[in-house]
Amino acid sequence: MAATSSADPPQMSPTESHQHPASSTSSHEDRVDAPAKERNWSNADVIRQVEFYFSDANLPTDAHLLAKCDGQQNLPVSIRSICGFPRMRKYRPYTEVVEALKFSTKLEVVDDKAIRRRDPLRLPLKVEPEKKEVARREALAQGGMTKGLLKPTGFEEYYTDPPITPETYEQERDIYDPEQYTFGDRIERAVQRYMARRTLHEDTARIFNGWMKFGGIEQRPRISGQLSKEDLEDLTAEDIAERMATHWCFEDISDGYKFIVDFEGVAMAFLSSYAPAYLSTDVESPAKIEKATNILRNFYNYLLTHDVAPDWKDFIYAARALCTRASIELTGIYHLRGMLRGPFNTACSILFGTDRDALAADEGTDWEDEFRFKPAYSDEVARVIIKTAIAAQGTEAQLAAVAKNRKLEFTVVDEKTIGLEVVSIIPPDPEVHDLYARHELSGTQLPPLGKVVLKPWLEPDFVEYDLPANLRTTDPSHPDYLPNETYTLWLEDDILQHFHVSPLTTHRPTQPPPRPAHEEESESESLPEPAYVGHTELVGTKLIATLKKLCVMKGPEAGALSNHVENDEAEEIWFLDSLKKLCPSFYTVLPNELMRGYKAPAPHRKLLEAFGLTVDQVDDNGVIRETPLGGGGDGGNASDNMDEVDSENDAAKAWD
């Protein structure tokens, strides 16, 4: 290295002095080349090689080593890691390599485990540190992570399954044959084989198992207890995998009247509704959002690679494509939550909205300053922001009104808390960019103002209504009425970039009519299958917010200036006062959410005993069996109790 340190070599311990008795009087070169037993290398060889790795000539160009030592931060690097380098593998044993490096005048051994430069690197880097190694070091530094947890799990973005052998291909053709097995059987077996190749850490397990259960795959051991060696000897590999599996389809998943296959719909609902509500800590940052969407994408890739469901291949492709869209939109929503109102709408709220109300509520209280509401801007700054916005996006009438009403004594004439969907995004034009480029606010450059057009949107839910959706939303007397109107909000350009409006093509199934509970399915009856119809529509980011409308005219001026505009709407400005909820454009809810925490009802034993019945004499629907389980037994014949019990009514109450 070009730069050297004047520091003395490390002092040796008494043990080292015993191994090198001449160390106190001999030169440094003599000590470096001291003989070692059972090795064909010298200390100088090791020192020369490792010093080269950390030299000014090599380190600025070594992306891997730069990532390990964090460049100019000069973090200690594991000596075991250094010994794994190709040219270091001949130097053994490890303990003698560590002792040899202690004689270097340019490198420092730390805790007998790591090594670093005595003089940190000061030259500029010629390459970027290796990203994978940087991520690994940062994960270890966060705490709670071990080297074992950083081993590949099969869920990495770069992970691919190994090539399929001819034997495996023939086996999978048989076990995934649509002619022999139902969809439920195939998907169940695929999940089990998929999990055999994956390692689930806690955060990964929450997402994957939550998604599986949401989609009809429950996690439970089918075989209780441990398998003995004798049991394993009598089982094939396939039998062992089945007995050790923990993921199973719901028993009635093949019944099309309770479950319908909808890869895309389940992905949409899970990522947009279920996960943000019940797994919020696992999708609270861009990195976690990308990880969650990659878990779904990883499983879809497995289904496609192994041809698990050839009859559903197009739908799996659609669901996988949705994961990419979800990653982009959910990341945008993450950023929008902290910045959506922006300077203009925040300024309006300070002068005319909830921020003004919060300030008024603090007046007359004896609270300390740290507990008082602190607005983002003063009233004077807020007025400047609003005047600049009106100069950029306002009408001639609004500009004239501001010229005569410099204190901006506007009036709030309407207020709505409403669901909205983005219809179009209008970025600021070059003139607006030039206007904002010429104005600074307290030394800060405000982002130019654009527009977003929204239409009313009704958030889907599971409430039972007296009218179907198409009538509820068109009946003005109904609370869910959606008026045929739009709202235009002024938002800064950096905010508009996180909104999304784009076509979404779906192949979602239509739900077949439910079978009445009293009707039995006959063998000859042909029941309608769900229809999958391709549908494309323009959808945008959705939100629930409180809007307020400002009338910029004042007193008689409103009538005098109305001749300058075509309608009264041009005299008014809507602003975003507060945000309640943000949703992606593909926001979907499914009845699957209602099954969260569901437990099958258990029989009321005491009530059954009151009627002289046992659990074995009543089926899952509370109806008395003609033949009790086990062939009767001591519980008596069910027909002996028919005079006292109505099998369709009283016995069923045992489940209520």
Foldseek 3Di string as FASTA:
>chain_A
DPDFDPDDQDDDDPVVCVVVVCVVPDDLVCSQQPDDPPADDTLVVLQVVVCVCQDPVHVLADQAVCLQLVAQVFRWHFVVVVCPPPVNVRDDDPQVSLVSNSSDRQKHDDPSTTITGPHGDDDHRPDHHDPVSNVVVVVVVVPPDDPVNVPDFLLDLPHDDDDQDPVNLVVLCVQLPVVPDPLQSLVFVLVLVVNVRGDDDPLNCVLVQVLCLLQFKHFAQPDDDDDDPVNVVPDDPVVVSNNPGGIHGDPCCRPQLVHDDQLQQSLQACLFPVCCVPVVVQLLALVSLLSSLSNLLSSLVSCVSSVNDVVCNVRSVLNNVVSVVSSQQSNLVSVCVVDVQHLLLLLCCCVPNDVVVQQVVCPPDPDDPVPGDDRPDDNVLSLVSNLLQCVQDADPLLPVLCVVVVSQPWDWDDKDFFKKWWDDWFARDVVQVVSQVVDDDPNHRGAGKTKTKIFTDDDDDDDDDPDDPVCQCCDPVHPNHGDPDMAMEIDGNVSSVSKDKDKDKGFGWDNFDRDDPVDDDDPPDDGDHTGGDIDIDIFIKMFGFMKTKIQSHDDPSLVVSPVVDDDSVSRMHIHTNGTDDITGRSHDHDCSVVCVVDDQFDFQQVLQVVLLAGPQQADSQQAGDQAGPPRAPPSHGPVVSVVPDDRVPSSNVRRD
